[in-house]
């Protein structure tokens, strides 16, 4: 099999769990795919949500020799980094933390900001029950907080940065372990599950994005209060592999920046989790992205390798 005149990367064939994510690869040497990558465990849904988006871009890049667009879905971030390094992925989008981990591992370059659900940026909150007696971050000493999965930008890394910046020591918690008065214990839930862990009384606090907080039922929101707010970061980051043909990378950027000005492009964006715009990453956010990258690798160490 060939892609852009080369042997198609070997990892395509050895990542058996992702077979559903790989459309027909019966290419000739003259055909040139534009491959959009995605980390996830539901390839059918991921392809359905993004194929129109990728097809639109591939059509716009046809003058540069692009003949088709494909969506490749890989379950683990570490495997996805390998796919990027071997040239099997041309561009991708993800939230800030996975994007910066992939940048460190594969050399991928953050290119643009994508407005997911119409939001350019988002931030997170640390919440507790109103009747908990916890009124500040300092009051979390000796308590336990719930995060979402480890690679979550809004419900783990941003709140964790906030706690560390406030000189709080975080330690993993698992009964029957007792949390020392000088520590803050933490547990991990699944995507969007941290508030539920708090509400059901298994922890004293929870981390969540403001958007997810506002989507809780009114009676649940009424029983919670915010004791900490994180920095704001781009909602999604679009990145390209470092060795992508500069002409294609430049043209890709122009297509993405102008999609919302074309009715067909606008429709393709809307199918992308209600995206309504793609724009430049603000200068102030660029340094924040690198700050987050440094935090992840300095604080989590080898844990990141399990993502």
C-alpha atoms as a PDB file:
ATOM      1  CA  UNK A   1       0.000   0.000   0.000  1.00  0.00           C
ATOM      2  CA  UNK A   2       1.219   3.495  -0.733  1.00  0.00           C
ATOM      3  CA  UNK A   3       0.442   6.950   0.493  1.00  0.00           C
ATOM      4  CA  UNK A   4       1.886   9.906  -1.362  1.00  0.00           C
ATOM      5  CA  UNK A   5       4.181   7.535  -3.249  1.00  0.00           C
ATOM      6  CA  UNK A   6       5.473   5.855  -0.058  1.00  0.00           C
ATOM      7  CA  UNK A   7       4.862   2.561   1.681  1.00  0.00           C
ATOM      8  CA  UNK A   8       1.927   3.073   4.054  1.00  0.00           C
ATOM      9  CA  UNK A   9       3.186   3.088   7.662  1.00  0.00           C
ATOM     10  CA  UNK A  10       3.496  -0.341   9.265  1.00  0.00           C
ATOM     11  CA  UNK A  11       1.558   0.696  12.393  1.00  0.00           C
ATOM     12  CA  UNK A  12      -1.660   0.772  10.340  1.00  0.00           C
ATOM     13  CA  UNK A  13      -1.573  -2.976  10.172  1.00  0.00           C
ATOM     14  CA  UNK A  14      -0.401  -3.768  13.687  1.00  0.00           C
ATOM     15  CA  UNK A  15      -2.983  -1.632  15.542  1.00  0.00           C
ATOM     16  CA  UNK A  16      -5.692  -4.244  15.144  1.00  0.00           C
ATOM     17  CA  UNK A  17      -8.200  -2.610  17.560  1.00  0.00           C
ATOM     18  CA  UNK A  18      -8.404   0.365  15.189  1.00  0.00           C
ATOM     19  CA  UNK A  19      -9.238  -1.532  12.012  1.00  0.00           C
ATOM     20  CA  UNK A  20     -12.664   0.078  11.790  1.00  0.00           C
ATOM     21  CA  UNK A  21     -11.015   3.488  11.727  1.00  0.00           C
ATOM     22  CA  UNK A  22      -9.117   2.859   8.506  1.00  0.00           C
ATOM     23  CA  UNK A  23     -11.085   3.222   5.260  1.00  0.00           C
ATOM     24  CA  UNK A  24     -10.063   1.368   2.124  1.00  0.00           C
ATOM     25  CA  UNK A  25      -6.387   1.937   1.399  1.00  0.00           C
ATOM     26  CA  UNK A  26      -6.292   0.624  -2.156  1.00  0.00           C
ATOM     27  CA  UNK A  27      -4.294   3.593  -3.393  1.00  0.00           C
ATOM     28  CA  UNK A  28      -2.120   4.017  -6.440  1.00  0.00           C
ATOM     29  CA  UNK A  29       1.237   5.769  -6.334  1.00  0.00           C
ATOM     30  CA  UNK A  30      -0.362   8.847  -7.884  1.00  0.00           C
ATOM     31  CA  UNK A  31      -3.016   9.221  -5.188  1.00  0.00           C
ATOM     32  CA  UNK A  32      -2.328  11.459  -2.242  1.00  0.00           C
ATOM     33  CA  UNK A  33      -4.410  11.276   0.907  1.00  0.00           C
ATOM     34  CA  UNK A  34      -4.909  14.027   3.445  1.00  0.00           C
ATOM     35  CA  UNK A  35      -5.206  12.173   6.753  1.00  0.00           C
ATOM     36  CA  UNK A  36      -6.950  13.685   9.761  1.00  0.00           C
ATOM     37  CA  UNK A  37      -6.225  11.861  13.012  1.00  0.00           C
ATOM     38  CA  UNK A  38      -8.251  11.464  16.152  1.00  0.00           C
ATOM     39  CA  UNK A  39      -7.610   9.842  19.542  1.00  0.00           C
ATOM     40  CA  UNK A  40     -10.706   7.953  20.661  1.00  0.00           C
ATOM     41  CA  UNK A  41     -12.323   4.607  21.323  1.00  0.00           C
ATOM     42  CA  UNK A  42     -15.357   4.972  19.044  1.00  0.00           C
ATOM     43  CA  UNK A  43     -14.002   5.071  15.480  1.00  0.00           C
ATOM     44  CA  UNK A  44     -17.390   4.797  13.800  1.00  0.00           C
ATOM     45  CA  UNK A  45     -18.703   7.897  15.567  1.00  0.00           C
ATOM     46  CA  UNK A  46     -15.440   9.798  15.137  1.00  0.00           C
ATOM     47  CA  UNK A  47     -15.422   9.203  11.396  1.00  0.00           C
ATOM     48  CA  UNK A  48     -19.103  10.041  11.018  1.00  0.00           C
ATOM     49  CA  UNK A  49     -18.631  13.364  12.833  1.00  0.00           C
ATOM     50  CA  UNK A  50     -15.500  14.423  10.940  1.00  0.00           C
ATOM     51  CA  UNK A  51     -15.598  12.974   7.433  1.00  0.00           C
ATOM     52  CA  UNK A  52     -17.532  15.916   5.957  1.00  0.00           C
ATOM     53  CA  UNK A  53     -14.994  18.292   7.507  1.00  0.00           C
ATOM     54  CA  UNK A  54     -12.037  16.367   6.056  1.00  0.00           C
ATOM     55  CA  UNK A  55     -13.683  15.916   2.645  1.00  0.00           C
ATOM     56  CA  UNK A  56     -14.241  19.663   2.362  1.00  0.00           C
ATOM     57  CA  UNK A  57     -10.596  20.423   3.138  1.00  0.00           C
ATOM     58  CA  UNK A  58      -9.294  17.737   0.786  1.00  0.00           C
ATOM     59  CA  UNK A  59     -11.408  19.152  -2.034  1.00  0.00           C
ATOM     60  CA  UNK A  60      -9.993  22.633  -1.417  1.00  0.00           C
ATOM     61  CA  UNK A  61      -6.459  21.230  -1.508  1.00  0.00           C
ATOM     62  CA  UNK A  62      -6.979  19.332  -4.760  1.00  0.00           C
ATOM     63  CA  UNK A  63      -4.871  21.877  -6.733  1.00  0.00           C
ATOM     64  CA  UNK A  64      -1.915  20.723  -4.616  1.00  0.00           C
ATOM     65  CA  UNK A  65      -2.440  17.100  -5.556  1.00  0.00           C
ATOM     66  CA  UNK A  66      -4.655  15.948  -2.680  1.00  0.00           C
ATOM     67  CA  UNK A  67      -7.050  13.345  -4.068  1.00  0.00           C
ATOM     68  CA  UNK A  68      -9.046  12.375  -0.961  1.00  0.00           C
ATOM     69  CA  UNK A  69      -9.414  12.875   2.765  1.00  0.00           C
ATOM     70  CA  UNK A  70      -9.445  10.135   5.389  1.00  0.00           C
ATOM     71  CA  UNK A  71     -10.055   9.970   9.132  1.00  0.00           C
ATOM     72  CA  UNK A  72      -7.794   7.719  11.223  1.00  0.00           C
ATOM     73  CA  UNK A  73      -8.817   6.943  14.812  1.00  0.00           C
ATOM     74  CA  UNK A  74      -6.313   5.591  17.345  1.00  0.00           C
ATOM     75  CA  UNK A  75      -7.265   4.660  20.890  1.00  0.00           C
ATOM     76  CA  UNK A  76      -4.149   5.671  22.851  1.00  0.00           C
ATOM     77  CA  UNK A  77      -2.286   8.980  22.806  1.00  0.00           C
ATOM     78  CA  UNK A  78       1.075   7.209  22.819  1.00  0.00           C
ATOM     79  CA  UNK A  79       0.130   5.157  19.722  1.00  0.00           C
ATOM     80  CA  UNK A  80      -1.214   8.277  18.033  1.00  0.00           C
ATOM     81  CA  UNK A  81       2.123  10.041  18.584  1.00  0.00           C
ATOM     82  CA  UNK A  82       3.856   7.187  16.795  1.00  0.00           C
ATOM     83  CA  UNK A  83       1.420   7.486  13.888  1.00  0.00           C
ATOM     84  CA  UNK A  84       2.236  11.199  13.558  1.00  0.00           C
ATOM     85  CA  UNK A  85       5.980  10.598  13.675  1.00  0.00           C
ATOM     86  CA  UNK A  86       5.739   7.955  10.950  1.00  0.00           C
ATOM     87  CA  UNK A  87       3.775  10.299   8.669  1.00  0.00           C
ATOM     88  CA  UNK A  88       0.446   8.509   8.990  1.00  0.00           C
ATOM     89  CA  UNK A  89      -1.392  11.615  10.247  1.00  0.00           C
ATOM     90  CA  UNK A  90      -1.186  15.035   8.598  1.00  0.00           C
ATOM     91  CA  UNK A  91      -3.268  17.094  11.012  1.00  0.00           C
ATOM     92  CA  UNK A  92      -5.540  16.647  14.012  1.00  0.00           C
ATOM     93  CA  UNK A  93      -7.432  18.498  16.692  1.00  0.00           C
ATOM     94  CA  UNK A  94      -7.743  17.888  20.412  1.00  0.00           C
ATOM     95  CA  UNK A  95      -8.026  19.719  23.688  1.00  0.00           C
ATOM     96  CA  UNK A  96      -4.960  21.482  25.039  1.00  0.00           C
ATOM     97  CA  UNK A  97      -3.418  18.752  27.194  1.00  0.00           C
ATOM     98  CA  UNK A  98      -3.434  15.901  24.629  1.00  0.00           C
ATOM     99  CA  UNK A  99      -2.291  18.386  21.978  1.00  0.00           C
ATOM    100  CA  UNK A 100       0.720  19.464  24.011  1.00  0.00           C
ATOM    101  CA  UNK A 101       1.618  15.910  25.015  1.00  0.00           C
ATOM    102  CA  UNK A 102       1.545  14.976  21.332  1.00  0.00           C
ATOM    103  CA  UNK A 103       3.663  18.031  20.530  1.00  0.00           C
ATOM    104  CA  UNK A 104       6.300  16.841  23.006  1.00  0.00           C
ATOM    105  CA  UNK A 105       6.237  13.235  21.785  1.00  0.00           C
ATOM    106  CA  UNK A 106       5.863  13.702  18.023  1.00  0.00           C
ATOM    107  CA  UNK A 107       7.015  17.250  17.306  1.00  0.00           C
ATOM    108  CA  UNK A 108       3.557  18.222  16.017  1.00  0.00           C
ATOM    109  CA  UNK A 109       2.982  21.968  15.733  1.00  0.00           C
ATOM    110  CA  UNK A 110      -0.049  23.745  17.249  1.00  0.00           C
ATOM    111  CA  UNK A 111      -1.485  25.752  14.374  1.00  0.00           C
ATOM    112  CA  UNK A 112      -4.930  27.199  15.064  1.00  0.00           C
ATOM    113  CA  UNK A 113      -7.735  27.469  17.608  1.00  0.00           C
ATOM    114  CA  UNK A 114     -11.066  25.757  16.968  1.00  0.00           C
ATOM    115  CA  UNK A 115     -14.248  27.141  18.544  1.00  0.00           C
ATOM    116  CA  UNK A 116     -15.954  24.001  19.879  1.00  0.00           C
ATOM    117  CA  UNK A 117     -19.633  24.477  20.768  1.00  0.00           C
ATOM    118  CA  UNK A 118     -19.164  28.107  19.750  1.00  0.00           C
ATOM    119  CA  UNK A 119     -16.617  28.693  22.530  1.00  0.00           C
ATOM    120  CA  UNK A 120     -13.202  30.140  21.690  1.00  0.00           C
ATOM    121  CA  UNK A 121     -11.828  29.398  25.157  1.00  0.00           C
ATOM    122  CA  UNK A 122     -12.982  27.671  28.299  1.00  0.00           C
ATOM    123  CA  UNK A 123     -12.039  27.378  31.931  1.00  0.00           C
ATOM    124  CA  UNK A 124     -12.755  25.104  34.846  1.00  0.00           C
ATOM    125  CA  UNK A 125     -14.100  25.255  38.347  1.00  0.00           C
ATOM    126  CA  UNK A 126     -13.463  23.426  41.572  1.00  0.00           C
ATOM    127  CA  UNK A 127     -16.802  22.893  43.296  1.00  0.00           C
ATOM    128  CA  UNK A 128     -17.991  21.656  46.680  1.00  0.00           C
ATOM    129  CA  UNK A 129     -21.379  21.205  48.316  1.00  0.00           C
ATOM    130  CA  UNK A 130     -22.746  24.423  49.770  1.00  0.00           C
ATOM    131  CA  UNK A 131     -23.199  22.839  53.190  1.00  0.00           C
ATOM    132  CA  UNK A 132     -19.712  21.276  53.271  1.00  0.00           C
ATOM    133  CA  UNK A 133     -18.054  23.980  55.337  1.00  0.00           C
ATOM    134  CA  UNK A 134     -15.369  24.254  52.644  1.00  0.00           C
ATOM    135  CA  UNK A 135     -15.037  27.867  51.554  1.00  0.00           C
ATOM    136  CA  UNK A 136     -11.600  28.121  49.924  1.00  0.00           C
ATOM    137  CA  UNK A 137      -8.939  26.051  48.231  1.00  0.00           C
ATOM    138  CA  UNK A 138      -6.951  26.022  51.470  1.00  0.00           C
ATOM    139  CA  UNK A 139      -9.889  24.272  53.142  1.00  0.00           C
ATOM    140  CA  UNK A 140      -9.300  21.254  50.879  1.00  0.00           C
ATOM    141  CA  UNK A 141      -6.365  20.138  53.047  1.00  0.00           C
ATOM    142  CA  UNK A 142      -7.229  16.759  54.505  1.00  0.00           C
ATOM    143  CA  UNK A 143     -10.030  16.342  51.911  1.00  0.00           C
ATOM    144  CA  UNK A 144     -10.481  14.438  48.641  1.00  0.00           C
ATOM    145  CA  UNK A 145     -11.201  15.874  45.182  1.00  0.00           C
ATOM    146  CA  UNK A 146     -12.550  14.057  42.115  1.00  0.00           C
ATOM    147  CA  UNK A 147     -10.989  14.598  38.691  1.00  0.00           C
ATOM    148  CA  UNK A 148     -12.063  13.167  35.339  1.00  0.00           C
ATOM    149  CA  UNK A 149      -9.688  10.955  33.337  1.00  0.00           C
ATOM    150  CA  UNK A 150      -5.962  11.805  33.678  1.00  0.00           C
ATOM    151  CA  UNK A 151      -5.600  13.491  30.258  1.00  0.00           C
ATOM    152  CA  UNK A 152      -8.612  15.790  30.760  1.00  0.00           C
ATOM    153  CA  UNK A 153      -7.694  19.437  30.258  1.00  0.00           C
ATOM    154  CA  UNK A 154     -10.670  20.958  32.062  1.00  0.00           C
ATOM    155  CA  UNK A 155     -11.355  18.353  34.739  1.00  0.00           C
ATOM    156  CA  UNK A 156      -7.855  17.355  35.736  1.00  0.00           C
ATOM    157  CA  UNK A 157      -4.815  19.279  34.537  1.00  0.00           C
ATOM    158  CA  UNK A 158      -6.115  22.872  34.785  1.00  0.00           C
ATOM    159  CA  UNK A 159      -7.628  22.326  38.265  1.00  0.00           C
ATOM    160  CA  UNK A 160      -4.522  20.436  39.350  1.00  0.00           C
ATOM    161  CA  UNK A 161      -2.349  23.363  38.238  1.00  0.00           C
ATOM    162  CA  UNK A 162      -4.546  25.687  40.278  1.00  0.00           C
ATOM    163  CA  UNK A 163      -4.136  23.550  43.399  1.00  0.00           C
ATOM    164  CA  UNK A 164      -0.353  23.305  42.957  1.00  0.00           C
ATOM    165  CA  UNK A 165      -0.124  27.068  42.409  1.00  0.00           C
ATOM    166  CA  UNK A 166      -1.860  27.426  45.783  1.00  0.00           C
ATOM    167  CA  UNK A 167       0.815  25.253  47.409  1.00  0.00           C
ATOM    168  CA  UNK A 168      -1.434  22.266  47.988  1.00  0.00           C
ATOM    169  CA  UNK A 169       0.130  18.810  47.955  1.00  0.00           C
ATOM    170  CA  UNK A 170      -1.855  16.250  45.975  1.00  0.00           C
ATOM    171  CA  UNK A 171      -1.676  12.507  46.651  1.00  0.00           C
ATOM    172  CA  UNK A 172      -3.618   9.578  45.138  1.00  0.00           C
ATOM    173  CA  UNK A 173      -6.423   8.375  47.374  1.00  0.00           C
ATOM    174  CA  UNK A 174      -7.755   4.860  47.728  1.00  0.00           C
ATOM    175  CA  UNK A 175      -9.501   3.523  50.858  1.00  0.00           C
ATOM    176  CA  UNK A 176      -8.514   2.538  53.467  1.00  0.00           C
ATOM    177  CA  UNK A 177      -5.740   5.106  53.110  1.00  0.00           C
ATOM    178  CA  UNK A 178      -6.172   8.191  55.265  1.00  0.00           C
ATOM    179  CA  UNK A 179      -5.371  11.651  53.914  1.00  0.00           C
ATOM    180  CA  UNK A 180      -2.997  13.661  56.072  1.00  0.00           C
ATOM    181  CA  UNK A 181      -4.163  17.113  57.212  1.00  0.00           C
ATOM    182  CA  UNK A 182      -1.451  18.674  55.042  1.00  0.00           C
ATOM    183  CA  UNK A 183      -2.498  16.824  51.848  1.00  0.00           C
ATOM    184  CA  UNK A 184      -5.299  16.818  49.280  1.00  0.00           C
ATOM    185  CA  UNK A 185      -6.294  13.377  48.087  1.00  0.00           C
ATOM    186  CA  UNK A 186      -7.562  12.798  44.566  1.00  0.00           C
ATOM    187  CA  UNK A 187      -9.388  10.140  42.576  1.00  0.00           C
ATOM    188  CA  UNK A 188     -10.058   9.847  38.845  1.00  0.00           C
ATOM    189  CA  UNK A 189     -13.448   9.257  37.258  1.00  0.00           C
ATOM    190  CA  UNK A 190     -14.475   8.995  33.623  1.00  0.00           C
ATOM    191  CA  UNK A 191     -15.342  11.803  31.201  1.00  0.00           C
ATOM    192  CA  UNK A 192     -17.725  14.263  32.888  1.00  0.00           C
ATOM    193  CA  UNK A 193     -18.129  12.038  35.945  1.00  0.00           C
ATOM    194  CA  UNK A 194     -16.338  14.065  38.627  1.00  0.00           C
ATOM    195  CA  UNK A 195     -19.396  16.098  39.753  1.00  0.00           C
ATOM    196  CA  UNK A 196     -21.384  12.860  40.145  1.00  0.00           C
ATOM    197  CA  UNK A 197     -18.670  11.456  42.409  1.00  0.00           C
ATOM    198  CA  UNK A 198     -18.999  14.576  44.583  1.00  0.00           C
ATOM    199  CA  UNK A 199     -22.801  14.601  44.585  1.00  0.00           C
ATOM    200  CA  UNK A 200     -22.961  10.971  45.694  1.00  0.00           C
ATOM    201  CA  UNK A 201     -20.751  11.735  48.667  1.00  0.00           C
ATOM    202  CA  UNK A 202     -17.608   9.860  47.656  1.00  0.00           C
ATOM    203  CA  UNK A 203     -15.399  12.972  47.640  1.00  0.00           C
ATOM    204  CA  UNK A 204     -15.408  16.436  49.179  1.00  0.00           C
ATOM    205  CA  UNK A 205     -14.839  18.392  45.956  1.00  0.00           C
ATOM    206  CA  UNK A 206     -14.847  17.963  42.180  1.00  0.00           C
ATOM    207  CA  UNK A 207     -13.234  19.530  39.132  1.00  0.00           C
ATOM    208  CA  UNK A 208     -15.303  20.330  36.051  1.00  0.00           C
ATOM    209  CA  UNK A 209     -15.552  22.773  33.172  1.00  0.00           C
ATOM    210  CA  UNK A 210     -17.943  25.689  33.616  1.00  0.00           C
ATOM    211  CA  UNK A 211     -19.903  24.451  30.621  1.00  0.00           C
ATOM    212  CA  UNK A 212     -20.499  21.040  32.205  1.00  0.00           C
ATOM    213  CA  UNK A 213     -21.312  22.691  35.516  1.00  0.00           C
ATOM    214  CA  UNK A 214     -24.033  24.757  33.860  1.00  0.00           C
ATOM    215  CA  UNK A 215     -25.457  21.637  32.211  1.00  0.00           C
ATOM    216  CA  UNK A 216     -26.180  19.974  35.562  1.00  0.00           C
ATOM    217  CA  UNK A 217     -29.807  19.919  36.635  1.00  0.00           C
ATOM    218  CA  UNK A 218     -30.816  23.203  38.337  1.00  0.00           C
ATOM    219  CA  UNK A 219     -31.498  21.533  41.670  1.00  0.00           C
ATOM    220  CA  UNK A 220     -27.996  20.020  41.647  1.00  0.00           C
ATOM    221  CA  UNK A 221     -26.362  23.318  40.693  1.00  0.00           C
ATOM    222  CA  UNK A 222     -28.225  24.986  43.537  1.00  0.00           C
ATOM    223  CA  UNK A 223     -26.513  22.697  46.034  1.00  0.00           C
ATOM    224  CA  UNK A 224     -22.984  23.444  44.804  1.00  0.00           C
ATOM    225  CA  UNK A 225     -20.605  26.372  45.105  1.00  0.00           C
ATOM    226  CA  UNK A 226     -17.404  27.309  43.277  1.00  0.00           C
ATOM    227  CA  UNK A 227     -14.274  27.747  45.418  1.00  0.00           C
ATOM    228  CA  UNK A 228     -11.729  28.010  42.616  1.00  0.00           C
ATOM    229  CA  UNK A 229     -11.535  29.083  38.976  1.00  0.00           C
ATOM    230  CA  UNK A 230      -8.770  28.125  36.538  1.00  0.00           C
ATOM    231  CA  UNK A 231      -7.111  29.980  33.689  1.00  0.00           C
ATOM    232  CA  UNK A 232      -8.838  29.986  30.298  1.00  0.00           C
ATOM    233  CA  UNK A 233      -7.365  27.987  27.412  1.00  0.00           C
ATOM    234  CA  UNK A 234      -8.299  27.440  23.747  1.00  0.00           C
ATOM    235  CA  UNK A 235     -11.302  25.141  23.396  1.00  0.00           C
ATOM    236  CA  UNK A 236      -9.570  22.971  20.798  1.00  0.00           C
ATOM    237  CA  UNK A 237      -6.154  23.143  19.160  1.00  0.00           C
ATOM    238  CA  UNK A 238      -5.580  22.140  15.538  1.00  0.00           C
ATOM    239  CA  UNK A 239      -2.047  20.823  14.975  1.00  0.00           C
ATOM    240  CA  UNK A 240      -0.028  19.584  12.006  1.00  0.00           C
ATOM    241  CA  UNK A 241       2.841  17.118  11.844  1.00  0.00           C
ATOM    242  CA  UNK A 242       6.196  18.877  11.753  1.00  0.00           C
ATOM    243  CA  UNK A 243       7.275  17.458   8.386  1.00  0.00           C
ATOM    244  CA  UNK A 244       4.072  18.177   6.477  1.00  0.00           C
ATOM    245  CA  UNK A 245       4.846  19.701   3.067  1.00  0.00           C
ATOM    246  CA  UNK A 246       5.099  23.476   3.790  1.00  0.00           C
ATOM    247  CA  UNK A 247       2.933  24.286   0.762  1.00  0.00           C
ATOM    248  CA  UNK A 248       0.183  21.982   2.004  1.00  0.00           C
ATOM    249  CA  UNK A 249       0.524  23.271   5.574  1.00  0.00           C
ATOM    250  CA  UNK A 250       0.172  26.872   4.394  1.00  0.00           C
ATOM    251  CA  UNK A 251      -2.811  26.095   2.167  1.00  0.00           C
ATOM    252  CA  UNK A 252      -4.433  23.992   4.911  1.00  0.00           C
ATOM    253  CA  UNK A 253      -4.204  26.913   7.317  1.00  0.00           C
ATOM    254  CA  UNK A 254      -5.841  29.266   4.823  1.00  0.00           C
ATOM    255  CA  UNK A 255      -8.669  26.818   4.150  1.00  0.00           C
ATOM    256  CA  UNK A 256      -9.340  26.356   7.860  1.00  0.00           C
ATOM    257  CA  UNK A 257      -9.298  30.097   8.577  1.00  0.00           C
ATOM    258  CA  UNK A 258     -11.831  30.771   5.840  1.00  0.00           C
ATOM    259  CA  UNK A 259     -14.250  27.864   6.271  1.00  0.00           C
ATOM    260  CA  UNK A 260     -16.804  29.938   8.163  1.00  0.00           C
ATOM    261  CA  UNK A 261     -17.016  32.374   5.228  1.00  0.00           C
ATOM    262  CA  UNK A 262     -18.162  29.680   2.778  1.00  0.00           C
ATOM    263  CA  UNK A 263     -21.677  28.160   3.160  1.00  0.00           C
ATOM    264  CA  UNK A 264     -20.383  24.661   2.434  1.00  0.00           C
ATOM    265  CA  UNK A 265     -17.450  25.112   4.783  1.00  0.00           C
ATOM    266  CA  UNK A 266     -19.689  26.554   7.466  1.00  0.00           C
ATOM    267  CA  UNK A 267     -21.935  23.482   7.302  1.00  0.00           C
ATOM    268  CA  UNK A 268     -18.912  21.195   7.600  1.00  0.00           C
ATOM    269  CA  UNK A 269     -17.754  23.153  10.649  1.00  0.00           C
ATOM    270  CA  UNK A 270     -21.172  22.958  12.276  1.00  0.00           C
ATOM    271  CA  UNK A 271     -21.017  19.169  12.057  1.00  0.00           C
ATOM    272  CA  UNK A 272     -17.759  19.411  14.021  1.00  0.00           C
ATOM    273  CA  UNK A 273     -19.251  19.634  17.520  1.00  0.00           C
ATOM    274  CA  UNK A 274     -21.023  22.859  16.585  1.00  0.00           C
ATOM    275  CA  UNK A 275     -17.839  24.660  15.586  1.00  0.00           C
ATOM    276  CA  UNK A 276     -18.567  28.100  14.164  1.00  0.00           C
ATOM    277  CA  UNK A 277     -15.057  29.440  13.682  1.00  0.00           C
ATOM    278  CA  UNK A 278     -11.363  28.612  13.441  1.00  0.00           C
ATOM    279  CA  UNK A 279      -8.828  31.352  14.109  1.00  0.00           C
ATOM    280  CA  UNK A 280      -5.255  32.076  15.186  1.00  0.00           C
ATOM    281  CA  UNK A 281      -4.126  31.011  18.641  1.00  0.00           C
ATOM    282  CA  UNK A 282      -3.855  34.283  20.621  1.00  0.00           C
ATOM    283  CA  UNK A 283      -0.234  35.188  21.506  1.00  0.00           C
ATOM    284  CA  UNK A 284      -0.929  35.002  25.220  1.00  0.00           C
ATOM    285  CA  UNK A 285      -2.309  31.494  24.868  1.00  0.00           C
ATOM    286  CA  UNK A 286       0.794  30.197  23.100  1.00  0.00           C
ATOM    287  CA  UNK A 287       2.967  30.577  26.185  1.00  0.00           C
ATOM    288  CA  UNK A 288       0.200  29.121  28.349  1.00  0.00           C
ATOM    289  CA  UNK A 289       0.152  26.019  26.146  1.00  0.00           C
ATOM    290  CA  UNK A 290       3.856  25.524  26.741  1.00  0.00           C
ATOM    291  CA  UNK A 291       3.392  26.181  30.467  1.00  0.00           C
ATOM    292  CA  UNK A 292       0.785  23.414  30.571  1.00  0.00           C
ATOM    293  CA  UNK A 293       3.117  21.093  28.666  1.00  0.00           C
ATOM    294  CA  UNK A 294       5.907  21.705  31.184  1.00  0.00           C
ATOM    295  CA  UNK A 295       3.524  21.155  34.100  1.00  0.00           C
ATOM    296  CA  UNK A 296       2.225  17.832  32.757  1.00  0.00           C
ATOM    297  CA  UNK A 297       5.671  16.329  32.254  1.00  0.00           C
ATOM    298  CA  UNK A 298       7.179  17.714  35.455  1.00  0.00           C
ATOM    299  CA  UNK A 299       4.282  16.792  37.739  1.00  0.00           C
ATOM    300  CA  UNK A 300       3.013  13.529  36.269  1.00  0.00           C
ATOM    301  CA  UNK A 301       6.249  11.973  35.056  1.00  0.00           C
ATOM    302  CA  UNK A 302       5.939   8.417  33.710  1.00  0.00           C
ATOM    303  CA  UNK A 303       2.178   8.419  34.350  1.00  0.00           C
ATOM    304  CA  UNK A 304       1.791  10.267  31.048  1.00  0.00           C
ATOM    305  CA  UNK A 305       3.187   7.256  29.196  1.00  0.00           C
ATOM    306  CA  UNK A 306       0.063   5.259  30.123  1.00  0.00           C
ATOM    307  CA  UNK A 307      -2.286   7.649  28.302  1.00  0.00           C
END
